[in-house]
Amino acid sequence: VNNIIENIKEIENASRLRCTGLVNNSNLGNETDTDVIKNTL
């Protein structure tokens, strides 16, 4: 989680824009099911 927070800051600095939201696109491709996603909430 801390790595991601740092990554967000790096992207904001590089782009000179501020992030406004997150998208949880966690998946395992064709092996993804409901539980796979629920485990990331």
PDB file of all heavy atoms in Angstrom:
ATOM      1  N   VAL A   1       0.835  -1.197   0.000  1.00  0.00           N
ATOM      2  CA  VAL A   1       0.000   0.000   0.000  1.00  0.00           C
ATOM      3  C   VAL A   1       0.874   1.253   0.000  1.00  0.00           C
ATOM      4  O   VAL A   1       0.627   2.205  -0.743  1.00  0.00           O
ATOM      5  CB  VAL A   1      -0.945  -0.003   1.217  1.00  0.00           C
ATOM      6  CG1 VAL A   1      -1.641   1.346   1.344  1.00  0.00           C
ATOM      7  CG2 VAL A   1      -1.973  -1.117   1.100  1.00  0.00           C
ATOM      8  N   ASN A   2       1.919   1.248   0.817  1.00  0.00           N
ATOM      9  CA  ASN A   2       2.821   2.406   0.880  1.00  0.00           C
ATOM     10  C   ASN A   2       3.530   2.643  -0.443  1.00  0.00           C
ATOM     11  O   ASN A   2       3.770   3.791  -0.844  1.00  0.00           O
ATOM     12  CB  ASN A   2       3.844   2.232   2.000  1.00  0.00           C
ATOM     13  CG  ASN A   2       3.219   2.366   3.373  1.00  0.00           C
ATOM     14  OD1 ASN A   2       2.201   3.039   3.536  1.00  0.00           O
ATOM     15  ND2 ASN A   2       3.818   1.729   4.372  1.00  0.00           N
ATOM     16  N   ASN A   3       3.877   1.568  -1.149  1.00  0.00           N
ATOM     17  CA  ASN A   3       4.497   1.697  -2.467  1.00  0.00           C
ATOM     18  C   ASN A   3       3.543   2.391  -3.437  1.00  0.00           C
ATOM     19  O   ASN A   3       3.964   3.232  -4.247  1.00  0.00           O
ATOM     20  CB  ASN A   3       4.884   0.337  -3.033  1.00  0.00           C
ATOM     21  CG  ASN A   3       6.065  -0.292  -2.329  1.00  0.00           C
ATOM     22  OD1 ASN A   3       6.163  -1.519  -2.221  1.00  0.00           O
ATOM     23  ND2 ASN A   3       6.982   0.528  -1.833  1.00  0.00           N
ATOM     24  N   ILE A   4       2.278   2.022  -3.363  1.00  0.00           N
ATOM     25  CA  ILE A   4       1.290   2.610  -4.265  1.00  0.00           C
ATOM     26  C   ILE A   4       1.083   4.090  -3.950  1.00  0.00           C
ATOM     27  O   ILE A   4       0.983   4.927  -4.862  1.00  0.00           O
ATOM     28  CB  ILE A   4      -0.046   1.846  -4.195  1.00  0.00           C
ATOM     29  CG1 ILE A   4       0.105   0.502  -4.925  1.00  0.00           C
ATOM     30  CG2 ILE A   4      -1.189   2.654  -4.794  1.00  0.00           C
ATOM     31  CD1 ILE A   4      -1.157  -0.311  -5.021  1.00  0.00           C
ATOM     32  N   ILE A   5       1.027   4.428  -2.662  1.00  0.00           N
ATOM     33  CA  ILE A   5       0.887   5.830  -2.280  1.00  0.00           C
ATOM     34  C   ILE A   5       2.059   6.644  -2.835  1.00  0.00           C
ATOM     35  O   ILE A   5       1.883   7.749  -3.371  1.00  0.00           O
ATOM     36  CB  ILE A   5       0.825   5.983  -0.747  1.00  0.00           C
ATOM     37  CG1 ILE A   5      -0.368   5.216  -0.172  1.00  0.00           C
ATOM     38  CG2 ILE A   5       0.749   7.455  -0.368  1.00  0.00           C
ATOM     39  CD1 ILE A   5      -1.705   5.620  -0.734  1.00  0.00           C
ATOM     40  N   GLU A   6       3.262   6.093  -2.731  1.00  0.00           N
ATOM     41  CA  GLU A   6       4.440   6.768  -3.255  1.00  0.00           C
ATOM     42  C   GLU A   6       4.368   6.878  -4.775  1.00  0.00           C
ATOM     43  O   GLU A   6       4.742   7.907  -5.358  1.00  0.00           O
ATOM     44  CB  GLU A   6       5.702   6.015  -2.848  1.00  0.00           C
ATOM     45  CG  GLU A   6       7.002   6.680  -3.265  1.00  0.00           C
ATOM     46  CD  GLU A   6       7.189   8.055  -2.641  1.00  0.00           C
ATOM     47  OE1 GLU A   6       6.683   8.278  -1.523  1.00  0.00           O
ATOM     48  OE2 GLU A   6       7.851   8.910  -3.279  1.00  0.00           O
ATOM     49  N   ASN A   7       3.886   5.815  -5.421  1.00  0.00           N
ATOM     50  CA  ASN A   7       3.756   5.820  -6.876  1.00  0.00           C
ATOM     51  C   ASN A   7       2.770   6.881  -7.348  1.00  0.00           C
ATOM     52  O   ASN A   7       2.998   7.556  -8.360  1.00  0.00           O
ATOM     53  CB  ASN A   7       3.312   4.433  -7.345  1.00  0.00           C
ATOM     54  CG  ASN A   7       3.386   4.255  -8.841  1.00  0.00           C
ATOM     55  OD1 ASN A   7       2.472   3.717  -9.456  1.00  0.00           O
ATOM     56  ND2 ASN A   7       4.474   4.681  -9.462  1.00  0.00           N
ATOM     57  N   ILE A   8       1.689   7.056  -6.616  1.00  0.00           N
ATOM     58  CA  ILE A   8       0.713   8.093  -6.951  1.00  0.00           C
ATOM     59  C   ILE A   8       1.372   9.469  -6.910  1.00  0.00           C
ATOM     60  O   ILE A   8       1.186  10.296  -7.815  1.00  0.00           O
ATOM     61  CB  ILE A   8      -0.494   8.040  -5.980  1.00  0.00           C
ATOM     62  CG1 ILE A   8      -1.326   6.782  -6.235  1.00  0.00           C
ATOM     63  CG2 ILE A   8      -1.367   9.292  -6.132  1.00  0.00           C
ATOM     64  CD1 ILE A   8      -2.438   6.559  -5.231  1.00  0.00           C
ATOM     65  N   LYS A   9       2.167   9.711  -5.876  1.00  0.00           N
ATOM     66  CA  LYS A   9       2.859  10.999  -5.746  1.00  0.00           C
ATOM     67  C   LYS A   9       3.837  11.214  -6.899  1.00  0.00           C
ATOM     68  O   LYS A   9       3.946  12.323  -7.449  1.00  0.00           O
ATOM     69  CB  LYS A   9       3.604  11.059  -4.416  1.00  0.00           C
ATOM     70  CG  LYS A   9       2.688  11.083  -3.196  1.00  0.00           C
ATOM     71  CD  LYS A   9       3.504  11.085  -1.913  1.00  0.00           C
ATOM     72  CE  LYS A   9       2.602  11.079  -0.685  1.00  0.00           C
ATOM     73  NZ  LYS A   9       3.386  11.023   0.579  1.00  0.00           N
ATOM     74  N   GLU A  10       4.553  10.148  -7.285  1.00  0.00           N
ATOM     75  CA  GLU A  10       5.499  10.254  -8.393  1.00  0.00           C
ATOM     76  C   GLU A  10       4.788  10.591  -9.702  1.00  0.00           C
ATOM     77  O   GLU A  10       5.266  11.418 -10.492  1.00  0.00           O
ATOM     78  CB  GLU A  10       6.277   8.948  -8.533  1.00  0.00           C
ATOM     79  CG  GLU A  10       7.228   8.663  -7.378  1.00  0.00           C
ATOM     80  CD  GLU A  10       7.818   7.273  -7.432  1.00  0.00           C
ATOM     81  OE1 GLU A  10       7.364   6.458  -8.271  1.00  0.00           O
ATOM     82  OE2 GLU A  10       8.731   6.992  -6.643  1.00  0.00           O
ATOM     83  N   ILE A  11       3.654   9.957  -9.922  1.00  0.00           N
ATOM     84  CA  ILE A  11       2.885  10.210 -11.141  1.00  0.00           C
ATOM     85  C   ILE A  11       2.346  11.635 -11.145  1.00  0.00           C
ATOM     86  O   ILE A  11       2.371  12.330 -12.176  1.00  0.00           O
ATOM     87  CB  ILE A  11       1.741   9.181 -11.267  1.00  0.00           C
ATOM     88  CG1 ILE A  11       2.322   7.817 -11.652  1.00  0.00           C
ATOM     89  CG2 ILE A  11       0.698   9.628 -12.286  1.00  0.00           C
ATOM     90  CD1 ILE A  11       1.316   6.696 -11.625  1.00  0.00           C
ATOM     91  N   GLU A  12       1.866  12.093 -10.005  1.00  0.00           N
ATOM     92  CA  GLU A  12       1.357  13.458  -9.916  1.00  0.00           C
ATOM     93  C   GLU A  12       2.460  14.476 -10.194  1.00  0.00           C
ATOM     94  O   GLU A  12       2.241  15.459 -10.903  1.00  0.00           O
ATOM     95  CB  GLU A  12       0.746  13.694  -8.539  1.00  0.00           C
ATOM     96  CG  GLU A  12      -0.559  12.951  -8.304  1.00  0.00           C
ATOM     97  CD  GLU A  12      -1.155  13.213  -6.940  1.00  0.00           C
ATOM     98  OE1 GLU A  12      -0.372  13.532  -6.002  1.00  0.00           O
ATOM     99  OE2 GLU A  12      -2.372  13.095  -6.788  1.00  0.00           O
ATOM    100  N   ASN A  13       3.636  14.229  -9.656  1.00  0.00           N
ATOM    101  CA  ASN A  13       4.758  15.145  -9.884  1.00  0.00           C
ATOM    102  C   ASN A  13       5.177  15.146 -11.349  1.00  0.00           C
ATOM    103  O   ASN A  13       5.485  16.199 -11.925  1.00  0.00           O
ATOM    104  CB  ASN A  13       5.944  14.758  -8.997  1.00  0.00           C
ATOM    105  CG  ASN A  13       5.707  15.073  -7.534  1.00  0.00           C
ATOM    106  OD1 ASN A  13       4.920  15.948  -7.194  1.00  0.00           O
ATOM    107  ND2 ASN A  13       6.378  14.342  -6.654  1.00  0.00           N
ATOM    108  N   ALA A  14       5.208  13.960 -11.951  1.00  0.00           N
ATOM    109  CA  ALA A  14       5.639  13.855 -13.345  1.00  0.00           C
ATOM    110  C   ALA A  14       4.631  14.483 -14.307  1.00  0.00           C
ATOM    111  O   ALA A  14       5.000  15.120 -15.293  1.00  0.00           O
ATOM    112  CB  ALA A  14       5.870  12.389 -13.708  1.00  0.00           C
ATOM    113  N   SER A  15       3.352  14.308 -14.014  1.00  0.00           N
ATOM    114  CA  SER A  15       2.295  14.781 -14.920  1.00  0.00           C
ATOM    115  C   SER A  15       1.855  16.211 -14.645  1.00  0.00           C
ATOM    116  O   SER A  15       1.206  16.843 -15.475  1.00  0.00           O
ATOM    117  CB  SER A  15       1.069  13.873 -14.799  1.00  0.00           C
ATOM    118  OG  SER A  15       0.497  13.973 -13.511  1.00  0.00           O
ATOM    119  N   ARG A  16       2.193  16.696 -13.446  1.00  0.00           N
ATOM    120  CA  ARG A  16       1.737  18.011 -12.985  1.00  0.00           C
ATOM    121  C   ARG A  16       0.216  18.065 -12.869  1.00  0.00           C
ATOM    122  O   ARG A  16      -0.424  19.107 -13.015  1.00  0.00           O
ATOM    123  CB  ARG A  16       2.245  19.134 -13.900  1.00  0.00           C
ATOM    124  CG  ARG A  16       3.749  19.329 -13.813  1.00  0.00           C
ATOM    125  CD  ARG A  16       4.176  20.587 -14.552  1.00  0.00           C
ATOM    126  NE  ARG A  16       4.228  20.370 -15.984  1.00  0.00           N
ATOM    127  CZ  ARG A  16       4.310  21.346 -16.886  1.00  0.00           C
ATOM    128  NH1 ARG A  16       4.332  22.614 -16.491  1.00  0.00           N
ATOM    129  NH2 ARG A  16       4.384  21.073 -18.167  1.00  0.00           N
ATOM    130  N   LEU A  17      -0.371  16.900 -12.595  1.00  0.00           N
ATOM    131  CA  LEU A  17      -1.804  16.773 -12.369  1.00  0.00           C
ATOM    132  C   LEU A  17      -2.025  16.062 -11.036  1.00  0.00           C
ATOM    133  O   LEU A  17      -1.132  15.384 -10.539  1.00  0.00           O
ATOM    134  CB  LEU A  17      -2.472  15.966 -13.487  1.00  0.00           C
ATOM    135  CG  LEU A  17      -2.452  16.548 -14.895  1.00  0.00           C
ATOM    136  CD1 LEU A  17      -2.995  15.527 -15.885  1.00  0.00           C
ATOM    137  CD2 LEU A  17      -3.268  17.832 -14.954  1.00  0.00           C
ATOM    138  N   ARG A  18      -3.219  16.183 -10.498  1.00  0.00           N
ATOM    139  CA  ARG A  18      -3.567  15.497  -9.267  1.00  0.00           C
ATOM    140  C   ARG A  18      -4.549  14.377  -9.561  1.00  0.00           C
ATOM    141  O   ARG A  18      -5.512  14.564 -10.299  1.00  0.00           O
ATOM    142  CB  ARG A  18      -4.187  16.477  -8.264  1.00  0.00           C
ATOM    143  CG  ARG A  18      -3.188  17.477  -7.703  1.00  0.00           C
ATOM    144  CD  ARG A  18      -2.200  16.781  -6.760  1.00  0.00           C
ATOM    145  NE  ARG A  18      -1.149  17.691  -6.301  1.00  0.00           N
ATOM    146  CZ  ARG A  18       0.066  17.754  -6.820  1.00  0.00           C
ATOM    147  NH1 ARG A  18       0.373  16.986  -7.862  1.00  0.00           N
ATOM    148  NH2 ARG A  18       0.964  18.577  -6.347  1.00  0.00           N
ATOM    149  N   CYS A  19      -4.278  13.203  -8.989  1.00  0.00           N
ATOM    150  CA  CYS A  19      -5.222  12.097  -9.121  1.00  0.00           C
ATOM    151  C   CYS A  19      -6.522  12.467  -8.404  1.00  0.00           C
ATOM    152  O   CYS A  19      -6.497  13.130  -7.359  1.00  0.00           O
ATOM    153  CB  CYS A  19      -4.655  10.819  -8.517  1.00  0.00           C
ATOM    154  SG  CYS A  19      -3.306  10.078  -9.467  1.00  0.00           S
ATOM    155  N   THR A  20      -7.637  12.047  -8.972  1.00  0.00           N
ATOM    156  CA  THR A  20      -8.942  12.344  -8.378  1.00  0.00           C
ATOM    157  C   THR A  20      -9.657  11.096  -7.901  1.00  0.00           C
ATOM    158  O   THR A  20     -10.671  11.193  -7.201  1.00  0.00           O
ATOM    159  CB  THR A  20      -9.844  13.074  -9.384  1.00  0.00           C
ATOM    160  OG1 THR A  20      -9.997  12.263 -10.554  1.00  0.00           O
ATOM    161  CG2 THR A  20      -9.245  14.420  -9.776  1.00  0.00           C
ATOM    162  N   GLY A  21      -9.155   9.921  -8.280  1.00  0.00           N
ATOM    163  CA  GLY A  21      -9.830   8.697  -7.871  1.00  0.00           C
ATOM    164  C   GLY A  21      -9.014   7.465  -8.182  1.00  0.00           C
ATOM    165  O   GLY A  21      -7.994   7.519  -8.881  1.00  0.00           O
ATOM    166  N   LEU A  22      -9.478   6.348  -7.640  1.00  0.00           N
ATOM    167  CA  LEU A  22      -8.819   5.056  -7.809  1.00  0.00           C
ATOM    168  C   LEU A  22      -9.729   4.097  -8.563  1.00  0.00           C
ATOM    169  O   LEU A  22     -10.960   4.193  -8.488  1.00  0.00           O
ATOM    170  CB  LEU A  22      -8.498   4.445  -6.444  1.00  0.00           C
ATOM    171  CG  LEU A  22      -7.675   5.284  -5.466  1.00  0.00           C
ATOM    172  CD1 LEU A  22      -7.696   4.639  -4.078  1.00  0.00           C
ATOM    173  CD2 LEU A  22      -6.240   5.430  -5.964  1.00  0.00           C
ATOM    174  N   VAL A  23      -9.110   3.179  -9.292  1.00  0.00           N
ATOM    175  CA  VAL A  23      -9.835   2.093  -9.950  1.00  0.00           C
ATOM    176  C   VAL A  23      -9.215   0.775  -9.508  1.00  0.00           C
ATOM    177  O   VAL A  23      -8.030   0.533  -9.750  1.00  0.00           O
ATOM    178  CB  VAL A  23      -9.777   2.202 -11.485  1.00  0.00           C
ATOM    179  CG1 VAL A  23     -10.482   1.001 -12.121  1.00  0.00           C
ATOM    180  CG2 VAL A  23     -10.400   3.500 -11.962  1.00  0.00           C
ATOM    181  N   ASN A  24     -10.004  -0.054  -8.858  1.00  0.00           N
ATOM    182  CA  ASN A  24      -9.543  -1.382  -8.463  1.00  0.00           C
ATOM    183  C   ASN A  24      -9.774  -2.325  -9.638  1.00  0.00           C
ATOM    184  O   ASN A  24     -10.894  -2.789  -9.871  1.00  0.00           O
ATOM    185  CB  ASN A  24     -10.305  -1.864  -7.229  1.00  0.00           C
ATOM    186  CG  ASN A  24      -9.815  -3.219  -6.742  1.00  0.00           C
ATOM    187  OD1 ASN A  24      -8.883  -3.806  -7.311  1.00  0.00           O
ATOM    188  ND2 ASN A  24     -10.431  -3.732  -5.689  1.00  0.00           N
ATOM    189  N   ASN A  25      -8.725  -2.572 -10.395  1.00  0.00           N
ATOM    190  CA  ASN A  25      -8.810  -3.456 -11.558  1.00  0.00           C
ATOM    191  C   ASN A  25      -8.105  -4.775 -11.275  1.00  0.00           C
ATOM    192  O   ASN A  25      -7.537  -5.407 -12.165  1.00  0.00           O
ATOM    193  CB  ASN A  25      -8.172  -2.765 -12.775  1.00  0.00           C
ATOM    194  CG  ASN A  25      -8.488  -3.477 -14.077  1.00  0.00           C
ATOM    195  OD1 ASN A  25      -9.597  -3.969 -14.268  1.00  0.00           O
ATOM    196  ND2 ASN A  25      -7.516  -3.545 -14.973  1.00  0.00           N
ATOM    197  N   SER A  26      -8.153  -5.198 -10.034  1.00  0.00           N
ATOM    198  CA  SER A  26      -7.478  -6.436  -9.634  1.00  0.00           C
ATOM    199  C   SER A  26      -8.133  -7.646 -10.276  1.00  0.00           C
ATOM    200  O   SER A  26      -9.352  -7.829 -10.190  1.00  0.00           O
ATOM    201  CB  SER A  26      -7.510  -6.579  -8.110  1.00  0.00           C
ATOM    202  OG  SER A  26      -6.826  -5.506  -7.495  1.00  0.00           O
ATOM    203  N   ASN A  27      -7.314  -8.465 -10.933  1.00  0.00           N
ATOM    204  CA  ASN A  27      -7.844  -9.647 -11.610  1.00  0.00           C
ATOM    205  C   ASN A  27      -6.725 -10.636 -11.894  1.00  0.00           C
ATOM    206  O   ASN A  27      -5.544 -10.284 -11.830  1.00  0.00           O
ATOM    207  CB  ASN A  27      -8.545  -9.250 -12.908  1.00  0.00           C
ATOM    208  CG  ASN A  27      -7.577  -8.734 -13.953  1.00  0.00           C
ATOM    209  OD1 ASN A  27      -6.986  -9.506 -14.714  1.00  0.00           O
ATOM    210  ND2 ASN A  27      -7.387  -7.409 -13.998  1.00  0.00           N
ATOM    211  N   LEU A  28      -7.119 -11.846 -12.206  1.00  0.00           N
ATOM    212  CA  LEU A  28      -6.185 -12.893 -12.617  1.00  0.00           C
ATOM    213  C   LEU A  28      -6.530 -13.368 -14.024  1.00  0.00           C
ATOM    214  O   LEU A  28      -6.476 -14.560 -14.327  1.00  0.00           O
ATOM    215  CB  LEU A  28      -6.234 -14.067 -11.629  1.00  0.00           C
ATOM    216  CG  LEU A  28      -5.682 -13.802 -10.227  1.00  0.00           C
ATOM    217  CD1 LEU A  28      -5.962 -14.988  -9.298  1.00  0.00           C
ATOM    218  CD2 LEU A  28      -4.182 -13.531 -10.287  1.00  0.00           C
ATOM    219  N   GLY A  29      -6.908 -12.436 -14.866  1.00  0.00           N
ATOM    220  CA  GLY A  29      -7.260 -12.796 -16.233  1.00  0.00           C
ATOM    221  C   GLY A  29      -8.462 -13.717 -16.286  1.00  0.00           C
ATOM    222  O   GLY A  29      -9.464 -13.495 -15.595  1.00  0.00           O
ATOM    223  N   ASN A  30      -8.369 -14.762 -17.078  1.00  0.00           N
ATOM    224  CA  ASN A  30      -9.477 -15.694 -17.247  1.00  0.00           C
ATOM    225  C   ASN A  30      -9.766 -16.521 -16.001  1.00  0.00           C
ATOM    226  O   ASN A  30     -10.800 -17.191 -15.922  1.00  0.00           O
ATOM    227  CB  ASN A  30      -9.195 -16.646 -18.420  1.00  0.00           C
ATOM    228  CG  ASN A  30      -9.199 -15.927 -19.760  1.00  0.00           C
ATOM    229  OD1 ASN A  30      -9.952 -14.968 -19.948  1.00  0.00           O
ATOM    230  ND2 ASN A  30      -8.354 -16.362 -20.682  1.00  0.00           N
ATOM    231  N   GLU A  31      -8.868 -16.478 -15.027  1.00  0.00           N
ATOM    232  CA  GLU A  31      -9.071 -17.225 -13.790  1.00  0.00           C
ATOM    233  C   GLU A  31      -9.797 -16.401 -12.721  1.00  0.00           C
ATOM    234  O   GLU A  31     -10.020 -16.871 -11.608  1.00  0.00           O
ATOM    235  CB  GLU A  31      -7.720 -17.698 -13.232  1.00  0.00           C
ATOM    236  CG  GLU A  31      -6.976 -18.639 -14.173  1.00  0.00           C
ATOM    237  CD  GLU A  31      -5.644 -19.084 -13.598  1.00  0.00           C
ATOM    238  OE1 GLU A  31      -5.396 -18.812 -12.409  1.00  0.00           O
ATOM    239  OE2 GLU A  31      -4.864 -19.690 -14.341  1.00  0.00           O
ATOM    240  N   THR A  32     -10.163 -15.186 -13.070  1.00  0.00           N
ATOM    241  CA  THR A  32     -10.809 -14.295 -12.113  1.00  0.00           C
ATOM    242  C   THR A  32     -12.245 -14.727 -11.835  1.00  0.00           C
ATOM    243  O   THR A  32     -13.007 -15.028 -12.747  1.00  0.00           O
ATOM    244  CB  THR A  32     -10.826 -12.853 -12.647  1.00  0.00           C
ATOM    245  OG1 THR A  32      -9.501 -12.460 -12.981  1.00  0.00           O
ATOM    246  CG2 THR A  32     -11.405 -11.900 -11.615  1.00  0.00           C
ATOM    247  N   ASP A  33     -12.599 -14.777 -10.552  1.00  0.00           N
ATOM    248  CA  ASP A  33     -13.986 -14.983 -10.162  1.00  0.00           C
ATOM    249  C   ASP A  33     -14.337 -13.960  -9.091  1.00  0.00           C
ATOM    250  O   ASP A  33     -13.531 -13.105  -8.733  1.00  0.00           O
ATOM    251  CB  ASP A  33     -14.241 -16.423  -9.674  1.00  0.00           C
ATOM    252  CG  ASP A  33     -13.370 -16.815  -8.484  1.00  0.00           C
ATOM    253  OD1 ASP A  33     -12.885 -15.910  -7.766  1.00  0.00           O
ATOM    254  OD2 ASP A  33     -13.183 -18.017  -8.248  1.00  0.00           O
ATOM    255  N   THR A  34     -15.557 -14.037  -8.580  1.00  0.00           N
ATOM    256  CA  THR A  34     -16.026 -13.041  -7.617  1.00  0.00           C
ATOM    257  C   THR A  34     -15.134 -12.977  -6.387  1.00  0.00           C
ATOM    258  O   THR A  34     -14.792 -11.895  -5.894  1.00  0.00           O
ATOM    259  CB  THR A  34     -17.471 -13.347  -7.196  1.00  0.00           C
ATOM    260  OG1 THR A  34     -18.309 -13.335  -8.362  1.00  0.00           O
ATOM    261  CG2 THR A  34     -17.984 -12.300  -6.217  1.00  0.00           C
ATOM    262  N   ASP A  35     -14.722 -14.144  -5.876  1.00  0.00           N
ATOM    263  CA  ASP A  35     -13.892 -14.173  -4.669  1.00  0.00           C
ATOM    264  C   ASP A  35     -12.530 -13.536  -4.899  1.00  0.00           C
ATOM    265  O   ASP A  35     -11.972 -12.884  -4.009  1.00  0.00           O
ATOM    266  CB  ASP A  35     -13.715 -15.611  -4.177  1.00  0.00           C
ATOM    267  CG  ASP A  35     -14.984 -16.181  -3.560  1.00  0.00           C
ATOM    268  OD1 ASP A  35     -15.833 -15.374  -3.121  1.00  0.00           O
ATOM    269  OD2 ASP A  35     -15.123 -17.421  -3.515  1.00  0.00           O
ATOM    270  N   VAL A  36     -11.970 -13.730  -6.090  1.00  0.00           N
ATOM    271  CA  VAL A  36     -10.669 -13.144  -6.417  1.00  0.00           C
ATOM    272  C   VAL A  36     -10.715 -11.626  -6.253  1.00  0.00           C
ATOM    273  O   VAL A  36      -9.780 -11.006  -5.745  1.00  0.00           O
ATOM    274  CB  VAL A  36     -10.253 -13.519  -7.861  1.00  0.00           C
ATOM    275  CG1 VAL A  36      -9.130 -12.625  -8.362  1.00  0.00           C
ATOM    276  CG2 VAL A  36      -9.807 -14.973  -7.915  1.00  0.00           C
ATOM    277  N   ILE A  37     -11.827 -11.025  -6.671  1.00  0.00           N
ATOM    278  CA  ILE A  37     -11.956  -9.573  -6.565  1.00  0.00           C
ATOM    279  C   ILE A  37     -12.327  -9.156  -5.142  1.00  0.00           C
ATOM    280  O   ILE A  37     -11.773  -8.191  -4.603  1.00  0.00           O
ATOM    281  CB  ILE A  37     -13.007  -9.063  -7.569  1.00  0.00           C
ATOM    282  CG1 ILE A  37     -12.610  -9.448  -8.996  1.00  0.00           C
ATOM    283  CG2 ILE A  37     -13.157  -7.540  -7.459  1.00  0.00           C
ATOM    284  CD1 ILE A  37     -13.644  -9.114 -10.036  1.00  0.00           C
ATOM    285  N   LYS A  38     -13.228  -9.891  -4.522  1.00  0.00           N
ATOM    286  CA  LYS A  38     -13.639  -9.537  -3.158  1.00  0.00           C
ATOM    287  C   LYS A  38     -12.448  -9.524  -2.201  1.00  0.00           C
ATOM    288  O   LYS A  38     -12.403  -8.719  -1.260  1.00  0.00           O
ATOM    289  CB  LYS A  38     -14.699 -10.521  -2.657  1.00  0.00           C
ATOM    290  CG  LYS A  38     -16.092 -10.247  -3.195  1.00  0.00           C
ATOM    291  CD  LYS A  38     -17.114 -11.180  -2.558  1.00  0.00           C
ATOM    292  CE  LYS A  38     -18.528 -10.826  -2.991  1.00  0.00           C
ATOM    293  NZ  LYS A  38     -19.532 -11.718  -2.377  1.00  0.00           N
ATOM    294  N   ASN A  39     -11.495 -10.397  -2.437  1.00  0.00           N
ATOM    295  CA  ASN A  39     -10.318 -10.471  -1.565  1.00  0.00           C
ATOM    296  C   ASN A  39      -9.450  -9.223  -1.625  1.00  0.00           C
ATOM    297  O   ASN A  39      -8.543  -9.053  -0.802  1.00  0.00           O
ATOM    298  CB  ASN A  39      -9.474 -11.701  -1.919  1.00  0.00           C
ATOM    299  CG  ASN A  39     -10.148 -13.003  -1.521  1.00  0.00           C
ATOM    300  OD1 ASN A  39     -11.018 -13.020  -0.650  1.00  0.00           O
ATOM    301  ND2 ASN A  39      -9.752 -14.092  -2.171  1.00  0.00           N
ATOM    302  N   THR A  40      -9.697  -8.359  -2.603  1.00  0.00           N
ATOM    303  CA  THR A  40      -8.870  -7.146  -2.751  1.00  0.00           C
ATOM    304  C   THR A  40      -9.571  -5.886  -2.238  1.00  0.00           C
ATOM    305  O   THR A  40      -8.971  -4.815  -2.242  1.00  0.00           O
ATOM    306  CB  THR A  40      -8.501  -6.917  -4.236  1.00  0.00           C
ATOM    307  OG1 THR A  40      -9.673  -6.541  -4.973  1.00  0.00           O
ATOM    308  CG2 THR A  40      -7.896  -8.171  -4.842  1.00  0.00           C
ATOM    309  N   LEU A  41     -10.813  -6.004  -1.799  1.00  0.00           N
ATOM    310  CA  LEU A  41     -11.566  -4.816  -1.410  1.00  0.00           C
ATOM    311  C   LEU A  41     -10.969  -4.127  -0.191  1.00  0.00           C
ATOM    312  O   LEU A  41     -10.944  -2.897  -0.102  1.00  0.00           O
ATOM    313  CB  LEU A  41     -13.036  -5.179  -1.162  1.00  0.00           C
ATOM    314  CG  LEU A  41     -13.808  -5.708  -2.380  1.00  0.00           C
ATOM    315  CD1 LEU A  41     -15.267  -5.969  -2.008  1.00  0.00           C
ATOM    316  CD2 LEU A  41     -13.718  -4.737  -3.545  1.00  0.00           C
TER     317      LEU A  41
END
